[in-house]
Every structure is written in structure tokens, then in C-alpha cells.
C-alpha atoms as a PDB file:
ATOM      1  CA  MET A   1      94.806 108.970 107.398  1.00  0.00           C
ATOM      2  CA  THR A   2      92.847 106.814 109.843  1.00  0.00           C
ATOM      3  CA  PHE A   3      91.682 103.382 108.740  1.00  0.00           C
ATOM      4  CA  HIS A   4      87.949 103.287 109.499  1.00  0.00           C
ATOM      5  CA  ALA A   5      86.294  99.907 109.979  1.00  0.00           C
ATOM      6  CA  SER A   6      82.496  99.691 110.160  1.00  0.00           C
ATOM      7  CA  ILE A   7      81.328  96.294 111.442  1.00  0.00           C
ATOM      8  CA  LEU A   8      77.732  95.217 110.818  1.00  0.00           C
ATOM      9  CA  THR A   9      76.767  92.590 113.379  1.00  0.00           C
ATOM     10  CA  LEU A  10      74.028  91.235 115.618  1.00  0.00           C
ATOM     11  CA  TYR A  11      76.564  91.164 118.461  1.00  0.00           C
ATOM     12  CA  PRO A  12      78.293  94.561 118.656  1.00  0.00           C
ATOM     13  CA  ASP A  13      79.549  93.817 122.187  1.00  0.00           C
ATOM     14  CA  MET A  14      82.023  91.371 120.642  1.00  0.00           C
ATOM     15  CA  PHE A  15      84.087  94.346 119.422  1.00  0.00           C
ATOM     16  CA  PRO A  16      86.768  95.492 119.749  1.00  0.00           C
ATOM     17  CA  GLY A  17      87.391  92.311 121.763  1.00  0.00           C
ATOM     18  CA  PRO A  18      90.990  91.137 121.214  1.00  0.00           C
ATOM     19  CA  LEU A  19      91.513  94.155 118.963  1.00  0.00           C
ATOM     20  CA  GLY A  20      91.381  96.355 122.045  1.00  0.00           C
ATOM     21  CA  HIS A  21      94.637  94.886 123.333  1.00  0.00           C
ATOM     22  CA  SER A  22      98.332  94.788 122.406  1.00  0.00           C
ATOM     23  CA  LEU A  23      99.410  96.466 119.156  1.00  0.00           C
ATOM     24  CA  ALA A  24      95.894  96.873 117.758  1.00  0.00           C
ATOM     25  CA  GLY A  25      94.577  98.239 121.052  1.00  0.00           C
ATOM     26  CA  ARG A  26      97.320 100.821 121.401  1.00  0.00           C
ATOM     27  CA  ALA A  27      96.815 101.840 117.771  1.00  0.00           C
ATOM     28  CA  LEU A  28      93.081 102.189 118.449  1.00  0.00           C
ATOM     29  CA  GLU A  29      93.783 104.467 121.426  1.00  0.00           C
ATOM     30  CA  ARG A  30      96.157 106.598 119.331  1.00  0.00           C
ATOM     31  CA  GLY A  31      93.582 106.958 116.578  1.00  0.00           C
ATOM     32  CA  ASP A  32      95.598 105.058 113.970  1.00  0.00           C
ATOM     33  CA  TRP A  33      92.369 103.214 113.162  1.00  0.00           C
ATOM     34  CA  ALA A  34      88.739 103.458 114.174  1.00  0.00           C
ATOM     35  CA  CYS A  35      86.244 100.705 114.947  1.00  0.00           C
ATOM     36  CA  GLU A  36      82.520 101.415 114.590  1.00  0.00           C
ATOM     37  CA  THR A  37      79.855  98.765 115.178  1.00  0.00           C
ATOM     38  CA  VAL A  38      76.416  98.839 113.597  1.00  0.00           C
ATOM     39  CA  GLN A  39      73.635  96.734 115.125  1.00  0.00           C
ATOM     40  CA  ILE A  40      71.832  95.081 112.206  1.00  0.00           C
ATOM     41  CA  ARG A  41      68.716  94.534 114.314  1.00  0.00           C
ATOM     42  CA  ASP A  42      68.222  98.303 114.601  1.00  0.00           C
ATOM     43  CA  PHE A  43      67.157  98.310 110.955  1.00  0.00           C
ATOM     44  CA  ALA A  44      64.321  95.808 111.314  1.00  0.00           C
ATOM     45  CA  THR A  45      60.919  97.480 111.028  1.00  0.00           C
ATOM     46  CA  ASP A  46      58.547  95.110 112.815  1.00  0.00           C
ATOM     47  CA  ARG A  47      57.905  95.277 116.552  1.00  0.00           C
ATOM     48  CA  HIS A  48      59.842  92.062 117.162  1.00  0.00           C
ATOM     49  CA  LYS A  49      62.920  93.402 115.347  1.00  0.00           C
ATOM     50  CA  THR A  50      63.047  90.360 113.074  1.00  0.00           C
ATOM     51  CA  VAL A  51      66.225  90.073 111.005  1.00  0.00           C
ATOM     52  CA  ASP A  52      65.841  86.589 109.501  1.00  0.00           C
ATOM     53  CA  ASP A  53      63.354  84.231 107.910  1.00  0.00           C
ATOM     54  CA  THR A  54      63.111  80.654 106.663  1.00  0.00           C
ATOM     55  CA  PRO A  55      65.021  79.710 103.482  1.00  0.00           C
ATOM     56  CA  ALA A  56      63.084  79.922 100.240  1.00  0.00           C
ATOM     57  CA  GLY A  57      62.706  76.416  98.842  1.00  0.00           C
ATOM     58  CA  GLY A  58      62.972  74.860 102.286  1.00  0.00           C
ATOM     59  CA  GLY A  59      65.882  73.700 104.347  1.00  0.00           C
ATOM     60  CA  ALA A  60      67.252  73.978 107.842  1.00  0.00           C
ATOM     61  CA  GLY A  61      68.120  77.183 109.652  1.00  0.00           C
ATOM     62  CA  MET A  62      67.321  80.794 108.922  1.00  0.00           C
ATOM     63  CA  VAL A  63      68.590  83.400 106.451  1.00  0.00           C
ATOM     64  CA  LEU A  64      69.382  87.077 107.079  1.00  0.00           C
ATOM     65  CA  ARG A  65      66.810  89.196 105.255  1.00  0.00           C
ATOM     66  CA  ALA A  66      67.948  91.323 102.317  1.00  0.00           C
ATOM     67  CA  ASP A  67      65.819  94.360 103.209  1.00  0.00           C
ATOM     68  CA  VAL A  68      67.017  94.621 106.806  1.00  0.00           C
ATOM     69  CA  LEU A  69      70.682  94.091 105.994  1.00  0.00           C
ATOM     70  CA  ALA A  70      70.541  96.494 103.051  1.00  0.00           C
ATOM     71  CA  ARG A  71      69.258  99.279 105.290  1.00  0.00           C
ATOM     72  CA  ALA A  72      72.123  98.640 107.715  1.00  0.00           C
ATOM     73  CA  ILE A  73      74.662  98.720 104.885  1.00  0.00           C
ATOM     74  CA  ASP A  74      73.203 101.927 103.445  1.00  0.00           C
ATOM     75  CA  HIS A  75      73.442 103.537 106.874  1.00  0.00           C
ATOM     76  CA  ALA A  76      77.083 102.507 107.386  1.00  0.00           C
ATOM     77  CA  SER A  77      78.132 103.135 103.797  1.00  0.00           C
ATOM     78  CA  PRO A  78      76.163 105.969 102.214  1.00  0.00           C
ATOM     79  CA  ALA A  79      76.675 107.292  98.700  1.00  0.00           C
ATOM     80  CA  GLY A  80      80.260 108.385  98.119  1.00  0.00           C
ATOM     81  CA  ASP A  81      81.767 105.896 100.579  1.00  0.00           C
ATOM     82  CA  ASN A  82      84.350 104.013  98.541  1.00  0.00           C
ATOM     83  CA  ARG A  83      85.378 101.557 101.253  1.00  0.00           C
ATOM     84  CA  PRO A  84      85.111  97.910 100.114  1.00  0.00           C
ATOM     85  CA  ARG A  85      82.142  95.998 101.457  1.00  0.00           C
ATOM     86  CA  LEU A  86      83.250  92.612 102.757  1.00  0.00           C
ATOM     87  CA  LEU A  87      80.979  89.741 103.782  1.00  0.00           C
ATOM     88  CA  MET A  88      82.707  87.183 105.975  1.00  0.00           C
ATOM     89  CA  SER A  89      81.622  83.907 104.390  1.00  0.00           C
ATOM     90  CA  PRO A  90      82.978  80.324 104.198  1.00  0.00           C
ATOM     91  CA  ARG A  91      82.227  80.293 100.490  1.00  0.00           C
ATOM     92  CA  GLY A  92      84.225  83.468  99.852  1.00  0.00           C
ATOM     93  CA  LYS A  93      87.609  83.850  98.224  1.00  0.00           C
ATOM     94  CA  PRO A  94      90.333  82.703 100.648  1.00  0.00           C
ATOM     95  CA  LEU A  95      91.993  85.605 102.411  1.00  0.00           C
ATOM     96  CA  ASP A  96      95.702  85.983 101.724  1.00  0.00           C
ATOM     97  CA  GLN A  97      98.416  88.431 102.673  1.00  0.00           C
ATOM     98  CA  SER A  98      98.233  90.181  99.322  1.00  0.00           C
ATOM     99  CA  ARG A  99      94.571  91.080  99.864  1.00  0.00           C
ATOM    100  CA  VAL A 100      95.329  92.135 103.444  1.00  0.00           C
ATOM    101  CA  ARG A 101      97.975  94.555 102.189  1.00  0.00           C
ATOM    102  CA  GLN A 102      95.561  95.980  99.624  1.00  0.00           C
ATOM    103  CA  LEU A 103      92.983  96.609 102.322  1.00  0.00           C
ATOM    104  CA  ALA A 104      95.551  98.098 104.704  1.00  0.00           C
ATOM    105  CA  SER A 105      96.541 100.630 102.047  1.00  0.00           C
ATOM    106  CA  GLY A 106      92.982 101.945 101.813  1.00  0.00           C
ATOM    107  CA  THR A 107      90.804 104.169 103.985  1.00  0.00           C
ATOM    108  CA  GLY A 108      88.894 101.366 105.673  1.00  0.00           C
ATOM    109  CA  ALA A 109      86.307  98.663 105.102  1.00  0.00           C
ATOM    110  CA  ILE A 110      82.714  97.691 105.728  1.00  0.00           C
ATOM    111  CA  LEU A 111      82.616  94.237 107.337  1.00  0.00           C
ATOM    112  CA  VAL A 112      79.337  92.331 107.342  1.00  0.00           C
ATOM    113  CA  CYS A 113      79.136  89.519 109.891  1.00  0.00           C
ATOM    114  CA  GLY A 114      76.695  86.884 108.761  1.00  0.00           C
ATOM    115  CA  ARG A 115      74.769  84.555 111.053  1.00  0.00           C
ATOM    116  CA  PHE A 116      72.401  81.605 110.731  1.00  0.00           C
ATOM    117  CA  GLU A 117      72.491  79.801 107.363  1.00  0.00           C
ATOM    118  CA  GLY A 118      73.764  82.856 105.534  1.00  0.00           C
ATOM    119  CA  VAL A 119      72.667  86.042 103.809  1.00  0.00           C
ATOM    120  CA  ASP A 120      70.008  86.529 101.146  1.00  0.00           C
ATOM    121  CA  GLN A 121      71.843  86.417  97.813  1.00  0.00           C
ATOM    122  CA  ARG A 122      70.001  89.491  96.568  1.00  0.00           C
ATOM    123  CA  VAL A 123      71.684  91.806  99.078  1.00  0.00           C
ATOM    124  CA  ILE A 124      75.078  90.305  98.239  1.00  0.00           C
ATOM    125  CA  GLU A 125      74.502  91.262  94.611  1.00  0.00           C
ATOM    126  CA  GLY A 126      72.533  94.467  95.245  1.00  0.00           C
ATOM    127  CA  ARG A 127      75.108  95.949  97.614  1.00  0.00           C
ATOM    128  CA  ASP A 128      78.179  94.546  95.875  1.00  0.00           C
ATOM    129  CA  LEU A 129      79.461  92.514  98.813  1.00  0.00           C
ATOM    130  CA  GLU A 130      82.840  90.822  98.396  1.00  0.00           C
ATOM    131  CA  GLU A 131      82.706  87.428 100.096  1.00  0.00           C
ATOM    132  CA  VAL A 132      85.857  86.658 102.078  1.00  0.00           C
ATOM    133  CA  SER A 133      86.796  83.381 103.776  1.00  0.00           C
ATOM    134  CA  ILE A 134      89.460  82.902 106.440  1.00  0.00           C
ATOM    135  CA  GLY A 135      89.550  79.108 106.014  1.00  0.00           C
ATOM    136  CA  ASP A 136      87.770  75.935 105.018  1.00  0.00           C
ATOM    137  CA  TYR A 137      85.698  75.507 108.160  1.00  0.00           C
ATOM    138  CA  ILE A 138      82.441  76.825 109.591  1.00  0.00           C
ATOM    139  CA  LEU A 139      82.126  79.354 112.414  1.00  0.00           C
ATOM    140  CA  SER A 140      79.005  80.306 114.346  1.00  0.00           C
ATOM    141  CA  GLY A 141      79.095  83.750 112.753  1.00  0.00           C
ATOM    142  CA  GLY A 142      81.262  86.252 110.951  1.00  0.00           C
ATOM    143  CA  GLU A 143      82.416  88.149 114.045  1.00  0.00           C
ATOM    144  CA  VAL A 144      85.463  85.984 114.733  1.00  0.00           C
ATOM    145  CA  ALA A 145      86.396  86.058 111.043  1.00  0.00           C
ATOM    146  CA  ALA A 146      86.061  89.851 110.994  1.00  0.00           C
ATOM    147  CA  THR A 147      88.329  90.079 114.037  1.00  0.00           C
ATOM    148  CA  VAL A 148      90.948  87.941 112.280  1.00  0.00           C
ATOM    149  CA  LEU A 149      90.782  90.097 109.158  1.00  0.00           C
ATOM    150  CA  LEU A 150      91.048  93.357 111.096  1.00  0.00           C
ATOM    151  CA  ASP A 151      93.967  92.091 113.169  1.00  0.00           C
ATOM    152  CA  ALA A 152      95.829  91.212 109.967  1.00  0.00           C
ATOM    153  CA  ILE A 153      95.091  94.667 108.528  1.00  0.00           C
ATOM    154  CA  VAL A 154      95.742  96.843 111.571  1.00  0.00           C
ATOM    155  CA  ARG A 155      99.236  95.501 112.254  1.00  0.00           C
ATOM    156  CA  LEU A 156     100.253  96.687 108.770  1.00  0.00           C
ATOM    157  CA  LEU A 157      99.052 100.255 109.242  1.00  0.00           C
ATOM    158  CA  PRO A 158     101.807 102.883 109.477  1.00  0.00           C
ATOM    159  CA  GLY A 159     103.245 103.194 112.960  1.00  0.00           C
ATOM    160  CA  VAL A 160     101.481 100.168 114.452  1.00  0.00           C
ATOM    161  CA  MET A 161     104.495  97.840 114.467  1.00  0.00           C
ATOM    162  CA  GLY A 162     107.540  99.310 116.168  1.00  0.00           C
ATOM    163  CA  ASN A 163     109.888  97.986 113.494  1.00  0.00           C
ATOM    164  CA  ALA A 164     108.514  98.422 109.992  1.00  0.00           C
ATOM    165  CA  GLU A 165     110.724  95.587 108.782  1.00  0.00           C
ATOM    166  CA  SER A 166     108.972  93.125 111.084  1.00  0.00           C
ATOM    167  CA  GLY A 167     106.135  92.673 108.630  1.00  0.00           C
ATOM    168  CA  ALA A 168     108.439  92.140 105.679  1.00  0.00           C
ATOM    169  CA  HIS A 169     110.049  88.944 107.004  1.00  0.00           C
ATOM    170  CA  GLU A 170     107.011  86.890 107.927  1.00  0.00           C
ATOM    171  CA  SER A 171     105.229  83.921 106.412  1.00  0.00           C
ATOM    172  CA  PHE A 172     103.443  84.690 103.123  1.00  0.00           C
ATOM    173  CA  GLU A 173     105.038  88.113 102.648  1.00  0.00           C
ATOM    174  CA  ASN A 174     107.386  86.739  99.959  1.00  0.00           C
ATOM    175  CA  GLY A 175     105.296  83.733  99.007  1.00  0.00           C
ATOM    176  CA  LEU A 176     107.102  81.455 101.470  1.00  0.00           C
ATOM    177  CA  LEU A 177     106.708  80.329 105.049  1.00  0.00           C
ATOM    178  CA  GLU A 178     108.938  82.094 107.528  1.00  0.00           C
ATOM    179  CA  HIS A 179     112.277  80.543 108.469  1.00  0.00           C
ATOM    180  CA  PRO A 180     112.815  79.214 112.032  1.00  0.00           C
ATOM    181  CA  GLN A 181     113.510  81.793 114.739  1.00  0.00           C
ATOM    182  CA  TYR A 182     115.845  81.555 117.772  1.00  0.00           C
ATOM    183  CA  THR A 183     116.878  83.672 120.754  1.00  0.00           C
ATOM    184  CA  ARG A 184     118.712  83.337 124.075  1.00  0.00           C
ATOM    185  CA  PRO A 185     119.702  81.139 125.833  1.00  0.00           C
ATOM    186  CA  ALA A 186     122.314  79.827 123.413  1.00  0.00           C
ATOM    187  CA  GLU A 187     121.650  76.271 124.625  1.00  0.00           C
ATOM    188  CA  TRP A 188     118.369  74.864 125.898  1.00  0.00           C
ATOM    189  CA  GLU A 189     117.806  71.201 126.841  1.00  0.00           C
ATOM    190  CA  GLY A 190     120.822  70.241 124.775  1.00  0.00           C
ATOM    191  CA  ARG A 191     119.607  72.148 121.697  1.00  0.00           C
ATOM    192  CA  THR A 192     121.770  74.974 120.391  1.00  0.00           C
ATOM    193  CA  ILE A 193     121.166  77.933 118.139  1.00  0.00           C
ATOM    194  CA  PRO A 194     122.461  77.195 114.596  1.00  0.00           C
ATOM    195  CA  ALA A 195     126.024  78.469 114.453  1.00  0.00           C
ATOM    196  CA  ILE A 196     125.436  80.455 111.264  1.00  0.00           C
ATOM    197  CA  LEU A 197     123.031  82.775 113.130  1.00  0.00           C
ATOM    198  CA  THR A 198     125.719  83.880 115.561  1.00  0.00           C
ATOM    199  CA  SER A 199     128.501  84.125 112.963  1.00  0.00           C
ATOM    200  CA  GLY A 200     128.003  87.817 112.236  1.00  0.00           C
ATOM    201  CA  ASN A 201     128.047  87.082 108.491  1.00  0.00           C
ATOM    202  CA  HIS A 202     124.843  88.798 107.382  1.00  0.00           C
ATOM    203  CA  ALA A 203     125.003  87.521 103.819  1.00  0.00           C
ATOM    204  CA  LYS A 204     125.308  83.917 104.953  1.00  0.00           C
ATOM    205  CA  VAL A 205     122.560  84.415 107.527  1.00  0.00           C
ATOM    206  CA  ALA A 206     120.227  85.764 104.816  1.00  0.00           C
ATOM    207  CA  GLU A 207     121.023  82.826 102.541  1.00  0.00           C
ATOM    208  CA  TRP A 208     120.443  80.341 105.370  1.00  0.00           C
ATOM    209  CA  GLN A 209     117.091  81.941 106.120  1.00  0.00           C
ATOM    210  CA  ARG A 210     116.073  81.799 102.463  1.00  0.00           C
ATOM    211  CA  GLN A 211     117.034  78.129 102.195  1.00  0.00           C
ATOM    212  CA  GLN A 212     115.153  77.301 105.373  1.00  0.00           C
ATOM    213  CA  SER A 213     112.052  79.119 104.121  1.00  0.00           C
ATOM    214  CA  LEU A 214     112.156  77.242 100.826  1.00  0.00           C
ATOM    215  CA  SER A 215     112.674  73.895 102.505  1.00  0.00           C
ATOM    216  CA  LEU A 216     109.934  74.459 105.075  1.00  0.00           C
ATOM    217  CA  THR A 217     107.484  75.668 102.439  1.00  0.00           C
ATOM    218  CA  ARG A 218     108.189  72.693 100.188  1.00  0.00           C
ATOM    219  CA  ARG A 219     107.506  70.281 103.052  1.00  0.00           C
ATOM    220  CA  ARG A 220     104.460  71.956 104.574  1.00  0.00           C
ATOM    221  CA  ARG A 221     102.870  74.149 101.897  1.00  0.00           C
ATOM    222  CA  PRO A 222     104.025  73.029  98.448  1.00  0.00           C
ATOM    223  CA  ASP A 223     100.929  74.735  97.031  1.00  0.00           C
ATOM    224  CA  LEU A 224     102.646  78.091  97.681  1.00  0.00           C
ATOM    225  CA  LEU A 225     105.568  77.265  95.432  1.00  0.00           C
ATOM    226  CA  ASP A 226     105.646  77.967  91.724  1.00  0.00           C
ATOM    227  CA  ASP A 227     106.181  74.913  89.540  1.00  0.00           C
ATOM    228  CA  ASN A 228     109.482  76.423  88.465  1.00  0.00           C
ATOM    229  CA  ALA A 229     110.779  77.003  92.003  1.00  0.00           C
ATOM    230  CA  PRO A 230     114.163  75.394  92.651  1.00  0.00           C
ATOM    231  CA  ASN A 231     114.037  72.040  94.411  1.00  0.00           C
ATOM    232  CA  GLU A 232     115.886  72.813  97.604  1.00  0.00           C
ATOM    233  CA  GLY A 233     117.229  70.054  99.811  1.00  0.00           C
ATOM    234  CA  GLU A 234     115.555  69.063 103.053  1.00  0.00           C
ATOM    235  CA  ASP A 235     117.885  71.136 105.227  1.00  0.00           C
ATOM    236  CA  ASP A 236     117.762  70.787 108.980  1.00  0.00           C
ATOM    237  CA  CYS A 237     118.173  73.741 111.312  1.00  0.00           C
ATOM    238  CA  SER A 238     121.865  73.297 111.979  1.00  0.00           C
END
């Protein structure tokens, strides 16, 4: 099954962009996923191809028109298309790894890239758009956010990562930040790899990694920890 992403944007040349390289790019070439862009402006009906207008009630900026965007959505997602319709929006629900995994297990997604001051609320409601945020900051448009979301999804598709276990030991996969990583050389600028990691004792290595993840998460992202999580000590990386 190929994951099919349809991206509605005013700037289709921005895709696949970074997604055409590395793991995602090779997966795109193999057909593990497909990337289709839809130019929203093609669905404007006036001779100037107008896609926006001034905000009702006044205010700065412009707003994407409901009628134009709805026609673009209906073209990309006709009746019977069960792919989720996602609007990249700073006011959306924060994206997390759990939602990424849900999306990666499906057949694809419709991604709407907003511009200007936003999108007419009526098309959000009328076309059942799920608003998704990648962080508490403002971008010039939804294209970069859509790229981030697709990169997170594509790397989880079957066969994209060489080692399937790679995705299971990363930050957020088990509710914790990832433990520190090391590789050769054994010593660098007077800093050595923690001895436990070269001991060959897999059980102790796993326990060390768990403790490090807990400690790091408690220091940097305590919001990820359940109130009942054990209070681990502030271990160093030795």
C-alpha cells in the first residue's frame, strides 16, 4: 500500500523539497509513498485568479476564501476518499509522535497549506479540516509545516528505515526523550564513552539507557512525565 499525500498550496514548487532527498527521497523513487501537489489558485474563477479577501469585521492581512479552497479540496479529495484532511495551523492541536504513527498507518493524507492571516472558518467546518500545529510559533505559510509532518510520517512507513528498530528507540516513542548516543573514537578531547556501553552486558546497557532517558526527560521535558513516574536521580553520562 502506497501512502498518498495530496498537498494543497499556493507554492507547489516547494515540494517535494527536502522530501526528495535521503530516506524520504529514496522511498519516493521506490513508490513507497506518493506526493501530489494541487495549486489552490487553479480553482479561483475570476480572471485575476483571486484566492483571498479582506477579513470580515476588519483587521490586517488577508484570508483564504472558503469557496476557492473548498473547490480545491473537493478536487483532491472527492467522495469516497477517506484520507484525513489536515490544515497546518498555529492554533491546531500540537503534533506528537502518537498522531504521526496513526497517520503513517493509513493510506495517506490531504494537507492544506494556509497563507496570509488564515483560512475562512466556514471551509474548516464545511470540509472537516483537522487543524495541526508543529509548534508555538508563526511561519509564513503551511508549506514548511507540511514538510515537517510528511517527513515524520514517511520515515515510519514500512521499508523506509533500514532497521525497523531504529524508530522504536527515539525520543517520544516511549514517552521519554532519547538517551545519549556515542560511537567511535573511544576517546575524544579527553572525553570517553561510558564504560557500561562497551561492557557487553545488554541488560545493564538497557537499564542505563532507561535511567538516562528518565533523567534527561525530567530535566528538560518534565511535562512528558506522568505525575506517578519514579523520581530518578540526576545521573551523569558516566
